[in-house]
Amino acid sequence: MAAINERMTTGTLHIDNRESGIFAEMVAFFRQFIVAAFNPYRPELHYMRGPGPAWRAKHGQPTR
């Protein structure tokens, strides 16, 4: 209990290397998760979905 009180009165939080490594890994994971979850790039919106009207006119295919 004395160690907790000393840490609280000094105003600094000391974390040993093992805990800081785990904490850093968790922070990195959540940062990557947020970036991936809210990435505005959606490649399926940019794919060509088949021949367009110019191709149909050139090759004599009926329009849909």
C-alpha atoms as a PDB file:
ATOM      1  CA  MET A   1       0.000   0.000   0.000  1.00  0.00           C
ATOM      2  CA  ALA A   2       2.902   2.331   0.682  1.00  0.00           C
ATOM      3  CA  ALA A   3       4.161   1.973  -2.902  1.00  0.00           C
ATOM      4  CA  ILE A   4       0.781   2.982  -4.286  1.00  0.00           C
ATOM      5  CA  ASN A   5       0.618   6.038  -2.058  1.00  0.00           C
ATOM      6  CA  GLU A   6       4.147   7.094  -3.000  1.00  0.00           C
ATOM      7  CA  ARG A   7       3.321   6.818  -6.694  1.00  0.00           C
ATOM      8  CA  MET A   8       0.147   8.806  -6.271  1.00  0.00           C
ATOM      9  CA  THR A   9       1.873  11.624  -4.394  1.00  0.00           C
ATOM     10  CA  THR A  10       4.746  11.976  -6.868  1.00  0.00           C
ATOM     11  CA  GLY A  11       2.367  12.487  -9.789  1.00  0.00           C
ATOM     12  CA  THR A  12       4.217  10.079 -12.063  1.00  0.00           C
ATOM     13  CA  LEU A  13       3.167   6.619 -13.014  1.00  0.00           C
ATOM     14  CA  HIS A  14       5.940   4.065 -13.190  1.00  0.00           C
ATOM     15  CA  ILE A  15       5.294   0.959 -15.247  1.00  0.00           C
ATOM     16  CA  ASP A  16       7.933  -1.731 -15.531  1.00  0.00           C
ATOM     17  CA  ASN A  17       9.204  -2.808 -18.960  1.00  0.00           C
ATOM     18  CA  ARG A  18       7.025  -5.909 -19.191  1.00  0.00           C
ATOM     19  CA  GLU A  19       3.826  -3.978 -18.517  1.00  0.00           C
ATOM     20  CA  SER A  20       4.777  -1.137 -20.834  1.00  0.00           C
ATOM     21  CA  GLY A  21       5.453  -3.660 -23.608  1.00  0.00           C
ATOM     22  CA  ILE A  22       2.012  -5.187 -23.186  1.00  0.00           C
ATOM     23  CA  PHE A  23       0.431  -1.746 -22.980  1.00  0.00           C
ATOM     24  CA  ALA A  24       2.297  -0.602 -26.101  1.00  0.00           C
ATOM     25  CA  GLU A  25       1.134  -3.706 -27.970  1.00  0.00           C
ATOM     26  CA  MET A  26      -2.464  -3.075 -26.944  1.00  0.00           C
ATOM     27  CA  VAL A  27      -2.260   0.557 -28.034  1.00  0.00           C
ATOM     28  CA  ALA A  28      -0.748  -0.452 -31.384  1.00  0.00           C
ATOM     29  CA  PHE A  29      -3.458  -3.081 -31.897  1.00  0.00           C
ATOM     30  CA  PHE A  30      -6.293  -0.658 -31.207  1.00  0.00           C
ATOM     31  CA  ARG A  31      -4.756   2.022 -33.416  1.00  0.00           C
ATOM     32  CA  GLN A  32      -4.511  -0.437 -36.304  1.00  0.00           C
ATOM     33  CA  PHE A  33      -8.053  -1.639 -35.624  1.00  0.00           C
ATOM     34  CA  ILE A  34      -9.474   1.897 -35.698  1.00  0.00           C
ATOM     35  CA  VAL A  35      -7.610   2.706 -38.918  1.00  0.00           C
ATOM     36  CA  ALA A  36      -8.849  -0.492 -40.579  1.00  0.00           C
ATOM     37  CA  ALA A  37     -12.410  -0.170 -39.285  1.00  0.00           C
ATOM     38  CA  PHE A  38     -12.870   3.426 -40.390  1.00  0.00           C
ATOM     39  CA  ASN A  39     -10.818   3.396 -43.594  1.00  0.00           C
ATOM     40  CA  PRO A  40     -12.781   5.438 -46.157  1.00  0.00           C
ATOM     41  CA  TYR A  41     -11.254   3.644 -49.169  1.00  0.00           C
ATOM     42  CA  ARG A  42     -13.642   1.058 -50.572  1.00  0.00           C
ATOM     43  CA  PRO A  43     -12.154  -0.511 -53.703  1.00  0.00           C
ATOM     44  CA  GLU A  44     -15.401  -2.234 -54.674  1.00  0.00           C
ATOM     45  CA  LEU A  45     -16.799   1.203 -55.517  1.00  0.00           C
ATOM     46  CA  HIS A  46     -14.077   1.732 -58.126  1.00  0.00           C
ATOM     47  CA  TYR A  47     -14.186  -1.583 -59.953  1.00  0.00           C
ATOM     48  CA  MET A  48     -15.483  -1.674 -63.492  1.00  0.00           C
ATOM     49  CA  ARG A  49     -18.688  -3.661 -63.474  1.00  0.00           C
ATOM     50  CA  GLY A  50     -18.690  -4.905 -67.037  1.00  0.00           C
ATOM     51  CA  PRO A  51     -18.781  -3.394 -70.492  1.00  0.00           C
ATOM     52  CA  GLY A  52     -20.103   0.118 -70.770  1.00  0.00           C
ATOM     53  CA  PRO A  53     -22.306   1.738 -73.408  1.00  0.00           C
ATOM     54  CA  ALA A  54     -19.372   2.558 -75.724  1.00  0.00           C
ATOM     55  CA  TRP A  55     -18.331  -1.112 -75.856  1.00  0.00           C
ATOM     56  CA  ARG A  56     -21.921  -2.205 -76.509  1.00  0.00           C
ATOM     57  CA  ALA A  57     -22.292   0.331 -79.339  1.00  0.00           C
ATOM     58  CA  LYS A  58     -19.027  -0.793 -80.938  1.00  0.00           C
ATOM     59  CA  HIS A  59     -19.753  -4.527 -80.694  1.00  0.00           C
ATOM     60  CA  GLY A  60     -23.463  -4.403 -81.464  1.00  0.00           C
ATOM     61  CA  GLN A  61     -24.615  -5.734 -78.110  1.00  0.00           C
ATOM     62  CA  PRO A  62     -28.068  -4.675 -76.900  1.00  0.00           C
ATOM     63  CA  THR A  63     -28.289  -2.466 -73.850  1.00  0.00           C
ATOM     64  CA  ARG A  64     -29.629  -3.943 -70.670  1.00  0.00           C
END
